[in-house]
Amino acid sequence: MAGDAILCRPPDQRDKRARFEKVASGEAFPDGKPVEVLMWVGDNINDFPGMSQASRKGPDDAFAAFGTRYFALPNPVYGSWEENARE
């Protein structure tokens, strides 16, 4: 790819995991070449590859990428965190 890219969700695609796989395989790009994503930005833990609300029960090093590759912009209005209060 000749330059930087910002990828956002297409209106018809809700499954984040499928989009993550398309980026990693190169299918998300016209030239078909896979890329290494340098930074992931999201407002929900599910916006980051390999992460879910279950990650909070794992070891602290599960969050090592936050602040270096993963950047969360908190959204206090809604998100998968709402289920945590019911556990």
PDB file of N, CA and C in Angstrom:
ATOM      1  N   MET A   1       0.850  -1.169   0.000  1.00  0.00           N
ATOM      2  CA  MET A   1       0.000   0.000   0.000  1.00  0.00           C
ATOM      3  C   MET A   1       0.902   1.240   0.000  1.00  0.00           C
ATOM      4  N   ALA A   2       0.543   2.198  -0.779  1.00  0.00           N
ATOM      5  CA  ALA A   2       1.395   3.364  -0.965  1.00  0.00           C
ATOM      6  C   ALA A   2       1.348   4.344   0.197  1.00  0.00           C
ATOM      7  N   GLY A   3       0.316   4.307   1.003  1.00  0.00           N
ATOM      8  CA  GLY A   3       0.221   5.288   2.077  1.00  0.00           C
ATOM      9  C   GLY A   3      -0.508   4.736   3.274  1.00  0.00           C
ATOM     10  N   ASP A   4      -0.749   5.596   4.199  1.00  0.00           N
ATOM     11  CA  ASP A   4      -1.477   5.205   5.399  1.00  0.00           C
ATOM     12  C   ASP A   4      -2.946   4.999   5.065  1.00  0.00           C
ATOM     13  N   ALA A   5      -3.622   4.242   5.913  1.00  0.00           N
ATOM     14  CA  ALA A   5      -5.041   3.992   5.703  1.00  0.00           C
ATOM     15  C   ALA A   5      -5.765   4.029   7.040  1.00  0.00           C
ATOM     16  N   ILE A   6      -6.964   4.534   7.015  1.00  0.00           N
ATOM     17  CA  ILE A   6      -7.860   4.475   8.162  1.00  0.00           C
ATOM     18  C   ILE A   6      -9.053   3.661   7.698  1.00  0.00           C
ATOM     19  N   LEU A   7      -9.304   2.571   8.378  1.00  0.00           N
ATOM     20  CA  LEU A   7     -10.404   1.695   7.991  1.00  0.00           C
ATOM     21  C   LEU A   7     -11.530   1.811   8.998  1.00  0.00           C
ATOM     22  N   CYS A   8     -12.714   2.074   8.498  1.00  0.00           N
ATOM     23  CA  CYS A   8     -13.902   2.163   9.332  1.00  0.00           C
ATOM     24  C   CYS A   8     -14.878   1.079   8.898  1.00  0.00           C
ATOM     25  N   ARG A   9     -15.862   0.827   9.702  1.00  0.00           N
ATOM     26  CA  ARG A   9     -16.821  -0.236   9.418  1.00  0.00           C
ATOM     27  C   ARG A   9     -17.706   0.129   8.238  1.00  0.00           C
ATOM     28  N   PRO A  10     -17.766  -0.767   7.256  1.00  0.00           N
ATOM     29  CA  PRO A  10     -18.742  -0.562   6.177  1.00  0.00           C
ATOM     30  C   PRO A  10     -20.148  -0.698   6.755  1.00  0.00           C
ATOM     31  N   PRO A  11     -21.126   0.013   6.212  1.00  0.00           N
ATOM     32  CA  PRO A  11     -22.481  -0.004   6.775  1.00  0.00           C
ATOM     33  C   PRO A  11     -23.107  -1.402   6.837  1.00  0.00           C
ATOM     34  N   ASP A  12     -22.722  -2.283   5.940  1.00  0.00           N
ATOM     35  CA  ASP A  12     -23.347  -3.609   5.883  1.00  0.00           C
ATOM     36  C   ASP A  12     -22.561  -4.692   6.626  1.00  0.00           C
ATOM     37  N   GLN A  13     -21.536  -4.334   7.366  1.00  0.00           N
ATOM     38  CA  GLN A  13     -20.692  -5.319   8.049  1.00  0.00           C
ATOM     39  C   GLN A  13     -20.619  -5.034   9.534  1.00  0.00           C
ATOM     40  N   ARG A  14     -21.224  -5.894  10.351  1.00  0.00           N
ATOM     41  CA  ARG A  14     -21.206  -5.681  11.790  1.00  0.00           C
ATOM     42  C   ARG A  14     -20.160  -6.540  12.492  1.00  0.00           C
ATOM     43  N   ASP A  15     -19.757  -7.648  11.891  1.00  0.00           N
ATOM     44  CA  ASP A  15     -18.827  -8.575  12.522  1.00  0.00           C
ATOM     45  C   ASP A  15     -17.392  -8.046  12.482  1.00  0.00           C
ATOM     46  N   LYS A  16     -16.896  -7.619  13.635  1.00  0.00           N
ATOM     47  CA  LYS A  16     -15.546  -7.056  13.704  1.00  0.00           C
ATOM     48  C   LYS A  16     -14.481  -8.089  13.426  1.00  0.00           C
ATOM     49  N   ARG A  17     -14.653  -9.304  13.916  1.00  0.00           N
ATOM     50  CA  ARG A  17     -13.635 -10.349  13.740  1.00  0.00           C
ATOM     51  C   ARG A  17     -13.402 -10.623  12.260  1.00  0.00           C
ATOM     52  N   ALA A  18     -14.484 -10.640  11.474  1.00  0.00           N
ATOM     53  CA  ALA A  18     -14.343 -10.863  10.028  1.00  0.00           C
ATOM     54  C   ALA A  18     -13.556  -9.723   9.390  1.00  0.00           C
ATOM     55  N   ARG A  19     -13.797  -8.497   9.832  1.00  0.00           N
ATOM     56  CA  ARG A  19     -13.045  -7.352   9.288  1.00  0.00           C
ATOM     57  C   ARG A  19     -11.586  -7.420   9.691  1.00  0.00           C
ATOM     58  N   PHE A  20     -11.302  -7.822  10.924  1.00  0.00           N
ATOM     59  CA  PHE A  20      -9.906  -7.969  11.369  1.00  0.00           C
ATOM     60  C   PHE A  20      -9.180  -8.968  10.473  1.00  0.00           C
ATOM     61  N   GLU A  21      -9.840 -10.090  10.165  1.00  0.00           N
ATOM     62  CA  GLU A  21      -9.240 -11.126   9.315  1.00  0.00           C
ATOM     63  C   GLU A  21      -8.995 -10.622   7.902  1.00  0.00           C
ATOM     64  N   LYS A  22      -9.920  -9.817   7.364  1.00  0.00           N
ATOM     65  CA  LYS A  22      -9.747  -9.276   6.011  1.00  0.00           C
ATOM     66  C   LYS A  22      -8.553  -8.330   5.938  1.00  0.00           C
ATOM     67  N   VAL A  23      -8.321  -7.558   6.975  1.00  0.00           N
ATOM     68  CA  VAL A  23      -7.158  -6.673   7.011  1.00  0.00           C
ATOM     69  C   VAL A  23      -5.877  -7.502   7.070  1.00  0.00           C
ATOM     70  N   ALA A  24      -5.857  -8.491   7.942  1.00  0.00           N
ATOM     71  CA  ALA A  24      -4.663  -9.318   8.104  1.00  0.00           C
ATOM     72  C   ALA A  24      -4.335 -10.114   6.845  1.00  0.00           C
ATOM     73  N   SER A  25      -5.353 -10.537   6.113  1.00  0.00           N
ATOM     74  CA  SER A  25      -5.116 -11.326   4.902  1.00  0.00           C
ATOM     75  C   SER A  25      -4.860 -10.459   3.674  1.00  0.00           C
ATOM     76  N   GLY A  26      -5.234  -9.187   3.732  1.00  0.00           N
ATOM     77  CA  GLY A  26      -5.082  -8.288   2.594  1.00  0.00           C
ATOM     78  C   GLY A  26      -6.351  -8.124   1.784  1.00  0.00           C
ATOM     79  N   GLU A  27      -7.367  -8.917   2.088  1.00  0.00           N
ATOM     80  CA  GLU A  27      -8.625  -8.864   1.349  1.00  0.00           C
ATOM     81  C   GLU A  27      -9.320  -7.505   1.457  1.00  0.00           C
ATOM     82  N   ALA A  28      -8.990  -6.727   2.486  1.00  0.00           N
ATOM     83  CA  ALA A  28      -9.620  -5.429   2.690  1.00  0.00           C
ATOM     84  C   ALA A  28      -9.066  -4.348   1.764  1.00  0.00           C
ATOM     85  N   PHE A  29      -8.018  -4.665   1.033  1.00  0.00           N
ATOM     86  CA  PHE A  29      -7.342  -3.653   0.220  1.00  0.00           C
ATOM     87  C   PHE A  29      -7.370  -4.009  -1.254  1.00  0.00           C
ATOM     88  N   PRO A  30      -7.389  -2.987  -2.132  1.00  0.00           N
ATOM     89  CA  PRO A  30      -7.438  -3.236  -3.568  1.00  0.00           C
ATOM     90  C   PRO A  30      -6.256  -4.063  -4.085  1.00  0.00           C
ATOM     91  N   ASP A  31      -5.075  -3.890  -3.492  1.00  0.00           N
ATOM     92  CA  ASP A  31      -3.912  -4.634  -3.984  1.00  0.00           C
ATOM     93  C   ASP A  31      -3.805  -6.040  -3.388  1.00  0.00           C
ATOM     94  N   GLY A  32      -4.678  -6.360  -2.414  1.00  0.00           N
ATOM     95  CA  GLY A  32      -4.719  -7.694  -1.835  1.00  0.00           C
ATOM     96  C   GLY A  32      -3.563  -8.053  -0.928  1.00  0.00           C
ATOM     97  N   LYS A  33      -2.729  -7.068  -0.606  1.00  0.00           N
ATOM     98  CA  LYS A  33      -1.572  -7.344   0.243  1.00  0.00           C
ATOM     99  C   LYS A  33      -1.928  -7.160   1.710  1.00  0.00           C
ATOM    100  N   PRO A  34      -1.550  -8.118   2.555  1.00  0.00           N
ATOM    101  CA  PRO A  34      -1.810  -7.954   3.986  1.00  0.00           C
ATOM    102  C   PRO A  34      -0.978  -6.815   4.563  1.00  0.00           C
ATOM    103  N   VAL A  35      -1.476  -6.233   5.620  1.00  0.00           N
ATOM    104  CA  VAL A  35      -0.773  -5.141   6.279  1.00  0.00           C
ATOM    105  C   VAL A  35      -0.668  -5.434   7.768  1.00  0.00           C
ATOM    106  N   GLU A  36       0.285  -4.816   8.393  1.00  0.00           N
ATOM    107  CA  GLU A  36       0.383  -4.876   9.841  1.00  0.00           C
ATOM    108  C   GLU A  36      -0.277  -3.618  10.384  1.00  0.00           C
ATOM    109  N   VAL A  37      -1.255  -3.795  11.222  1.00  0.00           N
ATOM    110  CA  VAL A  37      -1.937  -2.655  11.815  1.00  0.00           C
ATOM    111  C   VAL A  37      -1.078  -2.144  12.963  1.00  0.00           C
ATOM    112  N   LEU A  38      -0.722  -0.887  12.914  1.00  0.00           N
ATOM    113  CA  LEU A  38       0.151  -0.304  13.929  1.00  0.00           C
ATOM    114  C   LEU A  38      -0.616   0.221  15.128  1.00  0.00           C
ATOM    115  N   MET A  39      -1.883   0.630  14.907  1.00  0.00           N
ATOM    116  CA  MET A  39      -2.652   1.214  15.994  1.00  0.00           C
ATOM    117  C   MET A  39      -4.124   0.851  15.814  1.00  0.00           C
ATOM    118  N   TRP A  40      -4.734   0.417  16.891  1.00  0.00           N
ATOM    119  CA  TRP A  40      -6.161   0.129  16.913  1.00  0.00           C
ATOM    120  C   TRP A  40      -6.809   1.136  17.864  1.00  0.00           C
ATOM    121  N   VAL A  41      -7.896   1.763  17.434  1.00  0.00           N
ATOM    122  CA  VAL A  41      -8.608   2.739  18.259  1.00  0.00           C
ATOM    123  C   VAL A  41     -10.062   2.306  18.338  1.00  0.00           C
ATOM    124  N   GLY A  42     -10.611   2.294  19.544  1.00  0.00           N
ATOM    125  CA  GLY A  42     -12.008   1.914  19.696  1.00  0.00           C
ATOM    126  C   GLY A  42     -12.575   2.410  21.005  1.00  0.00           C
ATOM    127  N   ASP A  43     -13.890   2.260  21.155  1.00  0.00           N
ATOM    128  CA  ASP A  43     -14.542   2.679  22.394  1.00  0.00           C
ATOM    129  C   ASP A  43     -15.052   1.489  23.193  1.00  0.00           C
ATOM    130  N   ASN A  44     -14.692   0.283  22.756  1.00  0.00           N
ATOM    131  CA  ASN A  44     -15.178  -0.931  23.391  1.00  0.00           C
ATOM    132  C   ASN A  44     -14.073  -1.981  23.300  1.00  0.00           C
ATOM    133  N   ILE A  45     -13.934  -2.805  24.304  1.00  0.00           N
ATOM    134  CA  ILE A  45     -12.866  -3.818  24.295  1.00  0.00           C
ATOM    135  C   ILE A  45     -12.997  -4.754  23.097  1.00  0.00           C
ATOM    136  N   ASN A  46     -14.207  -4.946  22.607  1.00  0.00           N
ATOM    137  CA  ASN A  46     -14.415  -5.792  21.429  1.00  0.00           C
ATOM    138  C   ASN A  46     -13.875  -5.171  20.148  1.00  0.00           C
ATOM    139  N   ASP A  47     -13.449  -3.926  20.207  1.00  0.00           N
ATOM    140  CA  ASP A  47     -12.874  -3.255  19.039  1.00  0.00           C
ATOM    141  C   ASP A  47     -11.415  -3.631  18.815  1.00  0.00           C
ATOM    142  N   PHE A  48     -10.867  -4.453  19.697  1.00  0.00           N
ATOM    143  CA  PHE A  48      -9.451  -4.817  19.624  1.00  0.00           C
ATOM    144  C   PHE A  48      -9.308  -6.314  19.397  1.00  0.00           C
ATOM    145  N   PRO A  49      -8.467  -6.719  18.447  1.00  0.00           N
ATOM    146  CA  PRO A  49      -8.310  -8.144  18.130  1.00  0.00           C
ATOM    147  C   PRO A  49      -7.934  -8.971  19.361  1.00  0.00           C
ATOM    148  N   GLY A  50      -8.623 -10.079  19.513  1.00  0.00           N
ATOM    149  CA  GLY A  50      -8.309 -10.990  20.602  1.00  0.00           C
ATOM    150  C   GLY A  50      -8.796 -10.557  21.970  1.00  0.00           C
ATOM    151  N   MET A  51      -9.487  -9.439  22.047  1.00  0.00           N
ATOM    152  CA  MET A  51      -9.944  -8.926  23.329  1.00  0.00           C
ATOM    153  C   MET A  51     -11.464  -9.076  23.452  1.00  0.00           C
ATOM    154  N   SER A  52     -11.915  -9.258  24.682  1.00  0.00           N
ATOM    155  CA  SER A  52     -13.344  -9.319  24.986  1.00  0.00           C
ATOM    156  C   SER A  52     -13.518  -8.981  26.458  1.00  0.00           C
ATOM    157  N   GLN A  53     -14.740  -8.928  26.912  1.00  0.00           N
ATOM    158  CA  GLN A  53     -14.968  -8.665  28.330  1.00  0.00           C
ATOM    159  C   GLN A  53     -14.340  -9.758  29.193  1.00  0.00           C
ATOM    160  N   ALA A  54     -14.211 -10.961  28.665  1.00  0.00           N
ATOM    161  CA  ALA A  54     -13.567 -12.048  29.410  1.00  0.00           C
ATOM    162  C   ALA A  54     -12.093 -11.752  29.690  1.00  0.00           C
ATOM    163  N   SER A  55     -11.491 -10.863  28.926  1.00  0.00           N
ATOM    164  CA  SER A  55     -10.080 -10.514  29.125  1.00  0.00           C
ATOM    165  C   SER A  55      -9.832  -9.919  30.502  1.00  0.00           C
ATOM    166  N   ARG A  56     -10.837  -9.310  31.071  1.00  0.00           N
ATOM    167  CA  ARG A  56     -10.647  -8.673  32.374  1.00  0.00           C
ATOM    168  C   ARG A  56     -10.386  -9.685  33.477  1.00  0.00           C
ATOM    169  N   LYS A  57     -10.729 -10.950  33.230  1.00  0.00           N
ATOM    170  CA  LYS A  57     -10.488 -12.014  34.207  1.00  0.00           C
ATOM    171  C   LYS A  57      -9.130 -12.674  33.999  1.00  0.00           C
ATOM    172  N   GLY A  58      -8.426 -12.267  32.961  1.00  0.00           N
ATOM    173  CA  GLY A  58      -7.122 -12.838  32.647  1.00  0.00           C
ATOM    174  C   GLY A  58      -6.001 -12.115  33.365  1.00  0.00           C
ATOM    175  N   PRO A  59      -4.771 -12.474  33.026  1.00  0.00           N
ATOM    176  CA  PRO A  59      -3.619 -11.822  33.661  1.00  0.00           C
ATOM    177  C   PRO A  59      -3.484 -10.367  33.226  1.00  0.00           C
ATOM    178  N   ASP A  60      -2.816  -9.579  34.041  1.00  0.00           N
ATOM    179  CA  ASP A  60      -2.627  -8.161  33.735  1.00  0.00           C
ATOM    180  C   ASP A  60      -1.931  -7.935  32.396  1.00  0.00           C
ATOM    181  N   ASP A  61      -1.027  -8.851  32.017  1.00  0.00           N
ATOM    182  CA  ASP A  61      -0.293  -8.643  30.765  1.00  0.00           C
ATOM    183  C   ASP A  61      -1.184  -8.795  29.533  1.00  0.00           C
ATOM    184  N   ALA A  62      -2.428  -9.238  29.711  1.00  0.00           N
ATOM    185  CA  ALA A  62      -3.367  -9.294  28.593  1.00  0.00           C
ATOM    186  C   ALA A  62      -3.656  -7.891  28.067  1.00  0.00           C
ATOM    187  N   PHE A  63      -3.387  -6.879  28.903  1.00  0.00           N
ATOM    188  CA  PHE A  63      -3.658  -5.489  28.529  1.00  0.00           C
ATOM    189  C   PHE A  63      -2.393  -4.720  28.147  1.00  0.00           C
ATOM    190  N   ALA A  64      -1.309  -5.420  27.917  1.00  0.00           N
ATOM    191  CA  ALA A  64      -0.021  -4.783  27.639  1.00  0.00           C
ATOM    192  C   ALA A  64      -0.045  -3.901  26.384  1.00  0.00           C
ATOM    193  N   ALA A  65      -0.869  -4.238  25.410  1.00  0.00           N
ATOM    194  CA  ALA A  65      -0.908  -3.457  24.161  1.00  0.00           C
ATOM    195  C   ALA A  65      -1.626  -2.121  24.316  1.00  0.00           C
ATOM    196  N   PHE A  66      -2.384  -1.955  25.398  1.00  0.00           N
ATOM    197  CA  PHE A  66      -3.087  -0.686  25.588  1.00  0.00           C
ATOM    198  C   PHE A  66      -2.097   0.422  25.921  1.00  0.00           C
ATOM    199  N   GLY A  67      -2.211   1.503  25.181  1.00  0.00           N
ATOM    200  CA  GLY A  67      -1.302   2.628  25.354  1.00  0.00           C
ATOM    201  C   GLY A  67      -0.134   2.598  24.389  1.00  0.00           C
ATOM    202  N   THR A  68       0.057   1.462  23.701  1.00  0.00           N
ATOM    203  CA  THR A  68       1.120   1.378  22.703  1.00  0.00           C
ATOM    204  C   THR A  68       0.558   1.035  21.321  1.00  0.00           C
ATOM    205  N   ARG A  69      -0.309   0.020  21.236  1.00  0.00           N
ATOM    206  CA  ARG A  69      -0.953  -0.355  19.972  1.00  0.00           C
ATOM    207  C   ARG A  69      -2.457  -0.185  20.041  1.00  0.00           C
ATOM    208  N   TYR A  70      -3.029  -0.357  21.225  1.00  0.00           N
ATOM    209  CA  TYR A  70      -4.468  -0.246  21.427  1.00  0.00           C
ATOM    210  C   TYR A  70      -4.757   1.036  22.198  1.00  0.00           C
ATOM    211  N   PHE A  71      -5.714   1.801  21.692  1.00  0.00           N
ATOM    212  CA  PHE A  71      -6.083   3.054  22.345  1.00  0.00           C
ATOM    213  C   PHE A  71      -7.601   3.105  22.488  1.00  0.00           C
ATOM    214  N   ALA A  72      -8.052   3.194  23.729  1.00  0.00           N
ATOM    215  CA  ALA A  72      -9.487   3.217  24.009  1.00  0.00           C
ATOM    216  C   ALA A  72      -9.957   4.653  24.230  1.00  0.00           C
ATOM    217  N   LEU A  73     -11.038   4.988  23.564  1.00  0.00           N
ATOM    218  CA  LEU A  73     -11.715   6.261  23.755  1.00  0.00           C
ATOM    219  C   LEU A  73     -13.027   5.905  24.452  1.00  0.00           C
ATOM    220  N   PRO A  74     -13.053   5.953  25.776  1.00  0.00           N
ATOM    221  CA  PRO A  74     -14.197   5.447  26.534  1.00  0.00           C
ATOM    222  C   PRO A  74     -15.531   6.069  26.135  1.00  0.00           C
ATOM    223  N   ASN A  75     -16.541   5.223  26.120  1.00  0.00           N
ATOM    224  CA  ASN A  75     -17.898   5.646  25.843  1.00  0.00           C
ATOM    225  C   ASN A  75     -18.754   5.198  27.032  1.00  0.00           C
ATOM    226  N   PRO A  76     -19.100   6.098  27.940  1.00  0.00           N
ATOM    227  CA  PRO A  76     -19.850   5.712  29.129  1.00  0.00           C
ATOM    228  C   PRO A  76     -21.338   5.471  28.878  1.00  0.00           C
ATOM    229  N   VAL A  77     -21.808   5.675  27.668  1.00  0.00           N
ATOM    230  CA  VAL A  77     -23.233   5.569  27.380  1.00  0.00           C
ATOM    231  C   VAL A  77     -23.675   4.125  27.130  1.00  0.00           C
ATOM    232  N   TYR A  78     -22.888   3.351  26.372  1.00  0.00           N
ATOM    233  CA  TYR A  78     -23.239   1.962  26.080  1.00  0.00           C
ATOM    234  C   TYR A  78     -21.982   1.185  25.729  1.00  0.00           C
ATOM    235  N   GLY A  79     -22.094  -0.114  25.744  1.00  0.00           N
ATOM    236  CA  GLY A  79     -20.977  -0.969  25.359  1.00  0.00           C
ATOM    237  C   GLY A  79     -21.087  -2.341  25.998  1.00  0.00           C
ATOM    238  N   SER A  80     -20.170  -3.216  25.639  1.00  0.00           N
ATOM    239  CA  SER A  80     -20.211  -4.577  26.164  1.00  0.00           C
ATOM    240  C   SER A  80     -19.958  -4.609  27.671  1.00  0.00           C
ATOM    241  N   TRP A  81     -19.405  -3.550  28.230  1.00  0.00           N
ATOM    242  CA  TRP A  81     -19.145  -3.478  29.667  1.00  0.00           C
ATOM    243  C   TRP A  81     -20.426  -3.538  30.481  1.00  0.00           C
ATOM    244  N   GLU A  82     -21.562  -3.216  29.868  1.00  0.00           N
ATOM    245  CA  GLU A  82     -22.830  -3.213  30.596  1.00  0.00           C
ATOM    246  C   GLU A  82     -23.157  -4.595  31.187  1.00  0.00           C
ATOM    247  N   GLU A  83     -22.695  -5.651  30.526  1.00  0.00           N
ATOM    248  CA  GLU A  83     -22.942  -7.008  30.997  1.00  0.00           C
ATOM    249  C   GLU A  83     -22.146  -7.315  32.279  1.00  0.00           C
ATOM    250  N   ASN A  84     -21.070  -6.607  32.552  1.00  0.00           N
ATOM    251  CA  ASN A  84     -20.241  -6.888  33.719  1.00  0.00           C
ATOM    252  C   ASN A  84     -21.020  -6.742  35.019  1.00  0.00           C
ATOM    253  N   ALA A  85     -21.905  -5.807  35.104  1.00  0.00           N
ATOM    254  CA  ALA A  85     -22.676  -5.573  36.329  1.00  0.00           C
ATOM    255  C   ALA A  85     -23.617  -6.734  36.636  1.00  0.00           C
ATOM    256  N   ARG A  86     -23.933  -7.546  35.647  1.00  0.00           N
ATOM    257  CA  ARG A  86     -24.861  -8.657  35.839  1.00  0.00           C
ATOM    258  C   ARG A  86     -24.175  -9.934  36.274  1.00  0.00           C
ATOM    259  N   GLU A  87     -22.848  -9.939  36.292  1.00  0.00           N
ATOM    260  CA  GLU A  87     -22.102 -11.155  36.674  1.00  0.00           C
ATOM    261  C   GLU A  87     -22.004 -11.309  38.156  1.00  0.00           C
TER     262      GLU A  87
END
